[in-house]
């Protein structure tokens, strides 16, 4: 099976980062949030938009 070297590098970086925090998801999350805060990039979070009339969606997908 063919392996993409870029994807393999991403897996290696992710594994090393995870290992650095002993696979603790909370610690990994906190580190990523800290990196976001210290970067000069603008991050955007979108507020979820909920359907007002679910019946239209249900009819379309069920019938």
Protein backbone atom coordinates (compact mmCIF):
# COMPACT_ATOMS: atom_id res chain seq x y z
CA UNK A 1 0.00 0.00 0.00
CA UNK A 2 1.27 3.44 -0.94
CA UNK A 3 2.08 5.79 1.95
CA UNK A 4 2.06 9.55 1.67
CA UNK A 5 5.26 10.94 3.23
CA UNK A 6 3.52 14.16 4.27
CA UNK A 7 0.79 12.26 6.11
CA UNK A 8 3.41 10.07 7.75
CA UNK A 9 5.25 13.18 8.97
CA UNK A 10 2.01 14.56 10.41
CA UNK A 11 1.44 11.27 12.25
CA UNK A 12 4.98 11.39 13.66
CA UNK A 13 4.62 14.99 14.86
CA UNK A 14 1.23 14.24 16.40
CA UNK A 15 2.58 11.13 18.13
CA UNK A 16 5.59 13.04 19.51
CA UNK A 17 3.34 15.84 20.79
CA UNK A 18 1.02 13.32 22.42
CA UNK A 19 3.94 11.48 24.00
CA UNK A 20 5.30 14.78 25.37
CA UNK A 21 2.11 15.09 27.45
CA UNK A 22 1.90 11.41 28.37
CA UNK A 23 -1.20 11.06 26.12
CA UNK A 24 -3.17 13.33 28.47
CA UNK A 25 -5.83 14.91 26.22
CA UNK A 26 -6.51 17.76 28.63
CA UNK A 27 -2.81 18.67 28.76
CA UNK A 28 -2.54 18.45 24.95
CA UNK A 29 -5.60 20.68 24.59
CA UNK A 30 -4.21 23.23 27.04
CA UNK A 31 -0.89 23.28 25.17
CA UNK A 32 -2.61 23.84 21.82
CA UNK A 33 -4.73 26.64 23.28
CA UNK A 34 -1.56 28.24 24.72
CA UNK A 35 0.09 28.02 21.30
CA UNK A 36 -2.95 29.72 19.76
CA UNK A 37 -2.80 32.47 22.37
CA UNK A 38 0.91 33.09 21.81
CA UNK A 39 0.68 33.14 18.02
CA UNK A 40 -0.03 36.27 16.04
CA UNK A 41 -2.80 34.58 14.12
CA UNK A 42 -6.46 35.40 14.29
CA UNK A 43 -8.69 32.45 15.23
CA UNK A 44 -12.41 32.45 14.53
CA UNK A 45 -15.02 30.35 16.30
CA UNK A 46 -18.44 30.10 14.75
CA UNK A 47 -21.50 29.91 16.95
CA UNK A 48 -23.61 26.88 16.01
CA UNK A 49 -26.83 27.72 14.20
CA UNK A 50 -29.76 25.55 15.12
CA UNK A 51 -32.68 24.70 12.86
CA UNK A 52 -35.84 26.52 13.83
CA UNK A 53 -38.23 24.16 12.03
CA UNK A 54 -36.99 20.59 12.29
CA UNK A 55 -40.11 19.15 10.63
CA UNK A 56 -39.01 20.44 7.20
CA UNK A 57 -35.69 18.66 7.58
CA UNK A 58 -37.35 15.44 8.75
CA UNK A 59 -39.85 15.35 5.85
CA UNK A 60 -37.11 15.95 3.31
CA UNK A 61 -34.87 13.16 4.63
CA UNK A 62 -37.52 10.60 5.61
CA UNK A 63 -39.84 10.75 2.69
